[in-house]
N, C-alpha and C. Protein backbone atom coordinates (compact mmCIF):
# COMPACT_ATOMS: atom_id res chain seq x y z
N MET A 1 -46.60 53.93 107.64
CA MET A 1 -47.05 53.64 108.98
C MET A 1 -45.81 53.38 109.85
N PRO A 2 -45.60 54.18 110.87
CA PRO A 2 -44.46 53.96 111.77
C PRO A 2 -44.60 52.66 112.55
N ILE A 3 -43.48 51.94 112.67
CA ILE A 3 -43.44 50.66 113.37
C ILE A 3 -42.22 50.65 114.28
N ALA A 4 -42.38 50.05 115.46
CA ALA A 4 -41.24 49.81 116.35
C ALA A 4 -41.27 48.35 116.77
N TYR A 5 -40.09 47.77 116.92
CA TYR A 5 -39.96 46.43 117.49
C TYR A 5 -39.35 46.59 118.86
N TYR A 6 -39.94 45.90 119.82
CA TYR A 6 -39.61 46.08 121.23
C TYR A 6 -39.45 44.71 121.87
N LYS A 7 -38.37 44.51 122.62
CA LYS A 7 -38.14 43.23 123.27
C LYS A 7 -38.79 43.23 124.65
N THR A 8 -39.67 42.27 124.88
CA THR A 8 -40.36 42.11 126.16
C THR A 8 -39.83 40.85 126.83
N PRO A 9 -40.18 40.61 128.07
CA PRO A 9 -39.79 39.35 128.72
C PRO A 9 -40.42 38.11 128.08
N ILE A 10 -41.42 38.31 127.23
CA ILE A 10 -42.10 37.16 126.60
C ILE A 10 -42.03 37.22 125.08
N GLY A 11 -40.98 37.81 124.57
CA GLY A 11 -40.77 37.85 123.13
C GLY A 11 -40.82 39.27 122.60
N TYR A 12 -40.68 39.36 121.31
CA TYR A 12 -40.67 40.66 120.65
C TYR A 12 -42.10 41.13 120.37
N ALA A 13 -42.29 42.42 120.49
CA ALA A 13 -43.58 43.02 120.17
C ALA A 13 -43.39 43.96 118.98
N ARG A 14 -44.34 43.91 118.07
CA ARG A 14 -44.39 44.87 116.97
C ARG A 14 -45.47 45.88 117.34
N ILE A 15 -45.09 47.13 117.36
CA ILE A 15 -46.01 48.21 117.72
C ILE A 15 -46.18 49.09 116.50
N THR A 16 -47.43 49.34 116.11
CA THR A 16 -47.68 50.18 114.95
C THR A 16 -48.50 51.41 115.33
N GLU A 17 -48.29 52.44 114.57
CA GLU A 17 -49.00 53.70 114.77
C GLU A 17 -49.56 54.16 113.43
N GLU A 18 -50.75 54.72 113.49
CA GLU A 18 -51.37 55.28 112.29
C GLU A 18 -52.27 56.44 112.71
N ASP A 19 -52.11 57.58 112.05
CA ASP A 19 -52.95 58.76 112.31
C ASP A 19 -52.98 59.14 113.80
N ASP A 20 -51.81 59.11 114.45
CA ASP A 20 -51.68 59.50 115.85
C ASP A 20 -52.41 58.57 116.82
N PHE A 21 -52.58 57.31 116.44
CA PHE A 21 -53.14 56.27 117.31
C PHE A 21 -52.21 55.07 117.27
N ILE A 22 -52.08 54.38 118.41
CA ILE A 22 -51.43 53.07 118.42
C ILE A 22 -52.48 52.10 117.86
N THR A 23 -52.12 51.40 116.79
CA THR A 23 -53.09 50.53 116.12
C THR A 23 -52.86 49.05 116.38
N SER A 24 -51.65 48.70 116.83
CA SER A 24 -51.42 47.30 117.22
C SER A 24 -50.20 47.20 118.11
N ILE A 25 -50.30 46.26 119.02
CA ILE A 25 -49.17 45.81 119.84
C ILE A 25 -49.33 44.30 119.84
N TYR A 26 -48.45 43.64 119.13
CA TYR A 26 -48.64 42.20 118.95
C TYR A 26 -47.34 41.46 119.26
N LEU A 27 -47.45 40.40 120.04
CA LEU A 27 -46.29 39.60 120.42
C LEU A 27 -45.99 38.58 119.34
N LEU A 28 -44.72 38.46 119.01
CA LEU A 28 -44.28 37.63 117.88
C LEU A 28 -43.38 36.50 118.35
N ASP A 29 -43.39 35.40 117.62
CA ASP A 29 -42.52 34.27 117.94
C ASP A 29 -41.11 34.47 117.38
N GLU A 30 -40.99 35.25 116.33
CA GLU A 30 -39.69 35.47 115.71
C GLU A 30 -38.91 36.53 116.48
N GLU A 31 -37.58 36.51 116.25
CA GLU A 31 -36.75 37.56 116.83
C GLU A 31 -36.59 38.66 115.79
N PHE A 32 -36.56 39.89 116.27
CA PHE A 32 -36.39 41.04 115.39
C PHE A 32 -35.32 41.94 115.98
N GLU A 33 -34.75 42.75 115.14
CA GLU A 33 -33.84 43.77 115.63
C GLU A 33 -34.68 44.85 116.30
N VAL A 34 -34.33 45.16 117.53
CA VAL A 34 -35.05 46.21 118.24
C VAL A 34 -34.77 47.52 117.52
N THR A 35 -35.83 48.23 117.21
CA THR A 35 -35.67 49.50 116.49
C THR A 35 -36.11 50.64 117.39
N PRO A 36 -35.39 51.72 117.36
CA PRO A 36 -35.82 52.87 118.16
C PRO A 36 -37.15 53.40 117.63
N PRO A 37 -37.98 53.89 118.52
CA PRO A 37 -39.27 54.42 118.06
C PRO A 37 -39.08 55.62 117.16
N GLU A 38 -39.84 55.63 116.06
CA GLU A 38 -39.74 56.71 115.07
C GLU A 38 -40.53 57.94 115.48
N THR A 39 -41.46 57.78 116.42
CA THR A 39 -42.33 58.90 116.78
C THR A 39 -42.44 58.99 118.30
N PRO A 40 -42.83 60.15 118.81
CA PRO A 40 -43.05 60.28 120.26
C PRO A 40 -44.13 59.32 120.78
N LEU A 41 -45.15 59.05 119.98
CA LEU A 41 -46.22 58.15 120.43
C LEU A 41 -45.70 56.71 120.57
N LEU A 42 -44.90 56.25 119.62
CA LEU A 42 -44.31 54.91 119.75
C LEU A 42 -43.39 54.86 120.98
N ALA A 43 -42.65 55.93 121.23
CA ALA A 43 -41.78 56.00 122.41
C ALA A 43 -42.63 55.92 123.69
N LEU A 44 -43.77 56.60 123.70
CA LEU A 44 -44.66 56.56 124.86
C LEU A 44 -45.21 55.15 125.07
N ALA A 45 -45.58 54.47 124.00
CA ALA A 45 -46.08 53.10 124.11
C ALA A 45 -45.02 52.19 124.71
N ILE A 46 -43.78 52.31 124.25
CA ILE A 46 -42.69 51.50 124.78
C ILE A 46 -42.44 51.83 126.25
N LYS A 47 -42.47 53.09 126.60
CA LYS A 47 -42.27 53.50 127.99
C LYS A 47 -43.35 52.88 128.89
N GLN A 48 -44.61 52.94 128.45
CA GLN A 48 -45.69 52.39 129.25
C GLN A 48 -45.60 50.86 129.33
N LEU A 49 -45.17 50.20 128.26
CA LEU A 49 -44.98 48.75 128.31
C LEU A 49 -43.83 48.40 129.26
N ASP A 50 -42.74 49.18 129.22
CA ASP A 50 -41.64 48.97 130.18
C ASP A 50 -42.16 49.06 131.61
N GLU A 51 -42.98 50.05 131.88
CA GLU A 51 -43.54 50.23 133.22
C GLU A 51 -44.44 49.06 133.59
N TYR A 52 -45.24 48.56 132.65
CA TYR A 52 -46.10 47.40 132.90
C TYR A 52 -45.24 46.20 133.28
N PHE A 53 -44.22 45.91 132.48
CA PHE A 53 -43.40 44.73 132.75
C PHE A 53 -42.58 44.88 134.03
N ALA A 54 -42.30 46.11 134.43
CA ALA A 54 -41.59 46.36 135.69
C ALA A 54 -42.54 46.31 136.89
N GLY A 55 -43.83 46.14 136.65
CA GLY A 55 -44.82 46.09 137.72
C GLY A 55 -45.21 47.47 138.24
N GLU A 56 -44.92 48.50 137.46
CA GLU A 56 -45.19 49.87 137.88
C GLU A 56 -46.44 50.48 137.23
N ARG A 57 -47.00 49.82 136.24
CA ARG A 57 -48.16 50.36 135.53
C ARG A 57 -49.25 49.30 135.45
N LYS A 58 -50.46 49.70 135.83
CA LYS A 58 -51.61 48.79 135.78
C LYS A 58 -52.61 49.21 134.72
N ASN A 59 -52.57 50.47 134.33
CA ASN A 59 -53.49 51.00 133.31
C ASN A 59 -52.67 51.77 132.29
N PHE A 60 -53.10 51.68 131.05
CA PHE A 60 -52.41 52.38 129.97
C PHE A 60 -53.15 53.65 129.61
N ASN A 61 -52.39 54.63 129.21
CA ASN A 61 -52.94 55.92 128.81
C ASN A 61 -52.38 56.24 127.43
N LEU A 62 -52.91 55.57 126.43
CA LEU A 62 -52.46 55.73 125.05
C LEU A 62 -53.68 55.94 124.16
N PRO A 63 -53.53 56.77 123.13
CA PRO A 63 -54.61 56.84 122.14
C PRO A 63 -54.54 55.58 121.27
N ILE A 64 -55.59 54.78 121.32
CA ILE A 64 -55.60 53.52 120.58
C ILE A 64 -56.78 53.46 119.63
N LYS A 65 -56.59 52.72 118.57
CA LYS A 65 -57.68 52.49 117.61
C LYS A 65 -57.36 51.21 116.85
N GLN A 66 -58.36 50.31 116.82
CA GLN A 66 -58.23 49.09 116.05
C GLN A 66 -59.29 49.08 114.96
N LYS A 67 -58.93 48.48 113.84
CA LYS A 67 -59.93 48.31 112.79
C LYS A 67 -60.76 47.08 113.12
N GLY A 68 -62.06 47.25 113.03
CA GLY A 68 -62.96 46.13 113.32
C GLY A 68 -64.39 46.60 113.21
N SER A 69 -65.29 45.65 113.29
CA SER A 69 -66.72 45.96 113.22
C SER A 69 -67.15 46.67 114.51
N GLU A 70 -68.33 47.22 114.49
CA GLU A 70 -68.89 47.85 115.68
C GLU A 70 -68.97 46.84 116.83
N PHE A 71 -69.39 45.62 116.52
CA PHE A 71 -69.47 44.57 117.53
C PHE A 71 -68.09 44.28 118.13
N GLN A 72 -67.08 44.13 117.27
CA GLN A 72 -65.73 43.88 117.77
C GLN A 72 -65.26 45.01 118.68
N ARG A 73 -65.51 46.24 118.29
CA ARG A 73 -65.10 47.38 119.11
C ARG A 73 -65.82 47.36 120.47
N GLN A 74 -67.07 46.93 120.49
CA GLN A 74 -67.79 46.81 121.77
C GLN A 74 -67.15 45.74 122.65
N VAL A 75 -66.77 44.63 122.04
CA VAL A 75 -66.11 43.55 122.78
C VAL A 75 -64.79 44.05 123.35
N TRP A 76 -64.00 44.74 122.53
CA TRP A 76 -62.70 45.24 122.99
C TRP A 76 -62.87 46.29 124.09
N ASP A 77 -63.92 47.09 123.98
CA ASP A 77 -64.20 48.07 125.03
C ASP A 77 -64.51 47.36 126.35
N GLU A 78 -65.25 46.28 126.28
CA GLU A 78 -65.57 45.51 127.48
C GLU A 78 -64.30 44.89 128.07
N LEU A 79 -63.38 44.44 127.22
CA LEU A 79 -62.11 43.90 127.71
C LEU A 79 -61.36 44.93 128.53
N SER A 80 -61.42 46.18 128.09
CA SER A 80 -60.68 47.25 128.75
C SER A 80 -61.20 47.54 130.16
N LYS A 81 -62.36 47.01 130.50
CA LYS A 81 -62.94 47.22 131.83
C LYS A 81 -62.47 46.18 132.85
N ILE A 82 -61.80 45.13 132.39
CA ILE A 82 -61.36 44.08 133.31
C ILE A 82 -60.18 44.62 134.11
N LYS A 83 -60.32 44.60 135.42
CA LYS A 83 -59.29 45.17 136.29
C LYS A 83 -58.01 44.36 136.25
N TYR A 84 -56.92 45.08 136.37
CA TYR A 84 -55.59 44.49 136.46
C TYR A 84 -55.58 43.44 137.57
N GLY A 85 -54.99 42.28 137.27
CA GLY A 85 -54.89 41.23 138.27
C GLY A 85 -56.12 40.38 138.42
N SER A 86 -57.16 40.64 137.62
CA SER A 86 -58.41 39.89 137.69
C SER A 86 -58.61 39.10 136.40
N THR A 87 -59.48 38.12 136.49
CA THR A 87 -59.88 37.40 135.29
C THR A 87 -61.40 37.29 135.28
N ILE A 88 -61.93 37.12 134.09
CA ILE A 88 -63.34 36.77 133.92
C ILE A 88 -63.39 35.64 132.91
N SER A 89 -64.51 34.95 132.87
CA SER A 89 -64.67 33.89 131.87
C SER A 89 -65.32 34.49 130.62
N TYR A 90 -65.22 33.75 129.53
CA TYR A 90 -65.89 34.17 128.30
C TYR A 90 -67.39 34.28 128.55
N MET A 91 -67.94 33.36 129.35
CA MET A 91 -69.37 33.41 129.66
C MET A 91 -69.71 34.68 130.44
N GLN A 92 -68.87 35.04 131.42
CA GLN A 92 -69.11 36.28 132.18
C GLN A 92 -69.04 37.49 131.25
N GLN A 93 -68.09 37.49 130.34
CA GLN A 93 -67.99 38.61 129.41
C GLN A 93 -69.27 38.72 128.58
N ALA A 94 -69.79 37.59 128.12
CA ALA A 94 -71.04 37.60 127.35
C ALA A 94 -72.19 38.14 128.19
N LYS A 95 -72.26 37.77 129.46
CA LYS A 95 -73.31 38.28 130.34
C LYS A 95 -73.15 39.78 130.59
N PHE A 96 -71.91 40.24 130.81
CA PHE A 96 -71.66 41.67 131.01
C PHE A 96 -72.11 42.47 129.80
N MET A 97 -71.98 41.87 128.62
CA MET A 97 -72.38 42.54 127.39
C MET A 97 -73.86 42.34 127.08
N LYS A 98 -74.57 41.69 128.00
CA LYS A 98 -76.00 41.41 127.84
C LYS A 98 -76.26 40.63 126.55
N ASN A 99 -75.39 39.66 126.29
CA ASN A 99 -75.47 38.84 125.10
C ASN A 99 -75.04 37.41 125.46
N PRO A 100 -75.78 36.75 126.38
CA PRO A 100 -75.34 35.44 126.86
C PRO A 100 -75.26 34.37 125.78
N LEU A 101 -75.99 34.54 124.70
CA LEU A 101 -75.93 33.55 123.62
C LEU A 101 -74.82 33.86 122.62
N GLY A 102 -74.16 34.99 122.79
CA GLY A 102 -73.12 35.41 121.85
C GLY A 102 -71.72 35.03 122.27
N ILE A 103 -71.60 34.02 123.13
CA ILE A 103 -70.30 33.69 123.69
C ILE A 103 -69.26 33.35 122.62
N ARG A 104 -69.66 32.62 121.59
CA ARG A 104 -68.69 32.25 120.53
C ARG A 104 -68.27 33.47 119.72
N ALA A 105 -69.21 34.34 119.40
CA ALA A 105 -68.88 35.55 118.64
C ALA A 105 -68.00 36.48 119.48
N ILE A 106 -68.27 36.54 120.77
CA ILE A 106 -67.47 37.38 121.66
C ILE A 106 -66.06 36.81 121.77
N ALA A 107 -65.95 35.50 121.93
CA ALA A 107 -64.64 34.86 122.00
C ALA A 107 -63.87 35.08 120.70
N SER A 108 -64.56 35.01 119.58
CA SER A 108 -63.91 35.25 118.28
C SER A 108 -63.41 36.69 118.18
N ALA A 109 -64.21 37.64 118.64
CA ALA A 109 -63.79 39.04 118.61
C ALA A 109 -62.59 39.26 119.54
N ASN A 110 -62.59 38.60 120.71
CA ASN A 110 -61.42 38.68 121.60
C ASN A 110 -60.17 38.24 120.85
N GLY A 111 -60.30 37.20 120.07
CA GLY A 111 -59.15 36.67 119.32
C GLY A 111 -58.65 37.58 118.23
N LYS A 112 -59.44 38.54 117.84
CA LYS A 112 -59.04 39.48 116.80
C LYS A 112 -58.44 40.77 117.38
N ASN A 113 -58.32 40.83 118.70
CA ASN A 113 -57.71 41.97 119.36
C ASN A 113 -56.22 42.02 119.01
N HIS A 114 -55.76 43.16 118.54
CA HIS A 114 -54.34 43.31 118.21
C HIS A 114 -53.66 44.36 119.08
N LEU A 115 -54.28 44.71 120.17
CA LEU A 115 -53.64 45.61 121.14
C LEU A 115 -53.38 44.83 122.42
N ILE A 116 -52.55 43.80 122.26
CA ILE A 116 -52.26 42.88 123.35
C ILE A 116 -51.72 43.66 124.55
N ILE A 117 -52.10 43.24 125.71
CA ILE A 117 -51.76 43.80 127.02
C ILE A 117 -52.54 45.08 127.27
N VAL A 118 -52.51 46.03 126.35
CA VAL A 118 -53.23 47.30 126.53
C VAL A 118 -54.73 47.07 126.56
N VAL A 119 -55.24 46.26 125.66
CA VAL A 119 -56.63 45.79 125.69
C VAL A 119 -56.51 44.34 126.16
N PRO A 120 -56.75 44.10 127.45
CA PRO A 120 -56.29 42.87 128.11
C PRO A 120 -57.12 41.62 127.87
N CYS A 121 -57.09 41.12 126.64
CA CYS A 121 -57.80 39.89 126.35
C CYS A 121 -57.20 38.69 127.09
N HIS A 122 -55.96 38.84 127.58
CA HIS A 122 -55.35 37.74 128.35
C HIS A 122 -56.07 37.50 129.67
N ARG A 123 -56.91 38.43 130.09
CA ARG A 123 -57.63 38.28 131.37
C ARG A 123 -58.94 37.51 131.23
N VAL A 124 -59.23 37.01 130.03
CA VAL A 124 -60.44 36.22 129.82
C VAL A 124 -60.03 34.76 129.72
N ILE A 125 -60.67 33.93 130.54
CA ILE A 125 -60.32 32.52 130.63
C ILE A 125 -61.57 31.66 130.44
N GLY A 126 -61.37 30.36 130.35
CA GLY A 126 -62.49 29.44 130.24
C GLY A 126 -63.30 29.40 131.53
N THR A 127 -64.55 29.02 131.42
CA THR A 127 -65.44 28.93 132.59
C THR A 127 -64.87 27.99 133.65
N ASP A 128 -64.14 26.97 133.20
CA ASP A 128 -63.54 26.00 134.13
C ASP A 128 -62.18 26.47 134.66
N GLY A 129 -61.79 27.70 134.32
CA GLY A 129 -60.51 28.23 134.77
C GLY A 129 -59.35 27.94 133.83
N SER A 130 -59.64 27.27 132.72
CA SER A 130 -58.56 26.93 131.79
C SER A 130 -58.10 28.16 131.01
N LEU A 131 -56.84 28.13 130.63
CA LEU A 131 -56.26 29.22 129.86
C LEU A 131 -56.39 28.88 128.39
N THR A 132 -57.43 29.38 127.78
CA THR A 132 -57.69 29.08 126.37
C THR A 132 -57.70 30.36 125.56
N GLY A 133 -57.54 30.21 124.28
CA GLY A 133 -57.79 31.28 123.34
C GLY A 133 -56.94 32.52 123.45
N PHE A 134 -55.65 32.40 123.22
CA PHE A 134 -54.79 33.58 123.18
C PHE A 134 -53.92 33.47 121.94
N GLY A 135 -54.12 34.39 121.00
CA GLY A 135 -53.45 34.33 119.70
C GLY A 135 -51.94 34.38 119.77
N CYS A 136 -51.39 34.91 120.84
CA CYS A 136 -49.93 35.02 120.98
C CYS A 136 -49.34 33.85 121.74
N GLY A 137 -50.15 32.83 122.02
CA GLY A 137 -49.66 31.65 122.72
C GLY A 137 -50.16 31.60 124.15
N VAL A 138 -50.72 30.44 124.53
CA VAL A 138 -51.26 30.28 125.88
C VAL A 138 -50.17 30.46 126.93
N TRP A 139 -48.93 30.10 126.61
CA TRP A 139 -47.84 30.26 127.59
C TRP A 139 -47.65 31.75 127.92
N ARG A 140 -47.85 32.62 126.94
CA ARG A 140 -47.74 34.06 127.20
C ARG A 140 -48.91 34.55 128.06
N LYS A 141 -50.09 34.03 127.79
CA LYS A 141 -51.25 34.39 128.60
C LYS A 141 -50.98 34.02 130.05
N LYS A 142 -50.48 32.81 130.28
CA LYS A 142 -50.16 32.36 131.63
C LYS A 142 -49.12 33.28 132.27
N TRP A 143 -48.09 33.64 131.53
CA TRP A 143 -47.04 34.52 132.06
C TRP A 143 -47.64 35.87 132.46
N LEU A 144 -48.47 36.45 131.60
CA LEU A 144 -49.06 37.76 131.89
C LEU A 144 -49.94 37.70 133.14
N LEU A 145 -50.76 36.67 133.27
CA LEU A 145 -51.61 36.53 134.44
C LEU A 145 -50.79 36.33 135.72
N GLU A 146 -49.75 35.51 135.61
CA GLU A 146 -48.89 35.30 136.78
C GLU A 146 -48.13 36.58 137.15
N HIS A 147 -47.70 37.32 136.15
CA HIS A 147 -47.02 38.61 136.38
C HIS A 147 -47.94 39.55 137.14
N GLU A 148 -49.17 39.69 136.69
CA GLU A 148 -50.12 40.58 137.36
C GLU A 148 -50.42 40.10 138.77
N ALA A 149 -50.51 38.79 138.96
CA ALA A 149 -50.76 38.24 140.30
C ALA A 149 -49.59 38.56 141.23
N ARG A 150 -48.35 38.43 140.73
CA ARG A 150 -47.18 38.76 141.54
C ARG A 150 -47.19 40.23 141.94
N VAL A 151 -47.51 41.10 140.99
CA VAL A 151 -47.53 42.53 141.27
C VAL A 151 -48.60 42.86 142.31
N MET A 152 -49.75 42.20 142.20
CA MET A 152 -50.85 42.46 143.13
C MET A 152 -50.57 41.87 144.52
N GLY A 153 -49.78 40.83 144.61
CA GLY A 153 -49.49 40.19 145.89
C GLY A 153 -50.41 39.00 146.11
N VAL A 154 -49.92 38.03 146.81
CA VAL A 154 -50.67 36.79 147.07
C VAL A 154 -51.96 37.11 147.81
N GLY A 155 -53.05 36.48 147.40
CA GLY A 155 -54.33 36.63 148.07
C GLY A 155 -55.12 37.86 147.65
N GLN A 156 -54.58 38.67 146.74
CA GLN A 156 -55.29 39.87 146.35
C GLN A 156 -55.84 39.79 144.93
N THR A 157 -55.75 38.65 144.32
CA THR A 157 -56.20 38.52 142.94
C THR A 157 -57.39 37.60 142.87
N THR A 158 -58.03 37.57 141.72
CA THR A 158 -59.14 36.66 141.49
C THR A 158 -58.80 35.69 140.38
N LEU A 159 -57.53 35.32 140.28
CA LEU A 159 -57.13 34.39 139.24
C LEU A 159 -57.69 33.02 139.55
N ASN A 160 -58.12 32.34 138.50
CA ASN A 160 -58.82 31.07 138.67
C ASN A 160 -58.05 29.87 138.12
N PHE A 161 -56.74 29.97 138.00
CA PHE A 161 -56.02 28.81 137.45
C PHE A 161 -55.05 28.25 138.45
């Protein structure tokens, strides 16, 4: 499985590819030696992440695939619908999925997302506006939301923190 390590403004990311799909982009606390991408697809993922961090890309165009249950894939698909610079609550996500009682299961599936940034689980916040539940660290979630707000410009976002 081809792997690349990429330095972002919020730490190192490990990017994996399998069967011509990006299968994970995960932010790590450890430092790694940046490795050149072994494949054109890994190079494309790094290019698009560079554009995101530069404020030039709001949507990703990568072939992605995560391993998970049908329910998890539905949750991740719903995450992909959250517009850049916006946030929703876990409760809103449950309502959008027509599963208002499934909030805990939906939040758990969000936590199993391994395509960080590309599948924007960082855009889901607590009903009270709190920044909860981000496997790569709440400080990174805050940074990503603030980055998107800066790119969108003051007064043009729906951030609730």
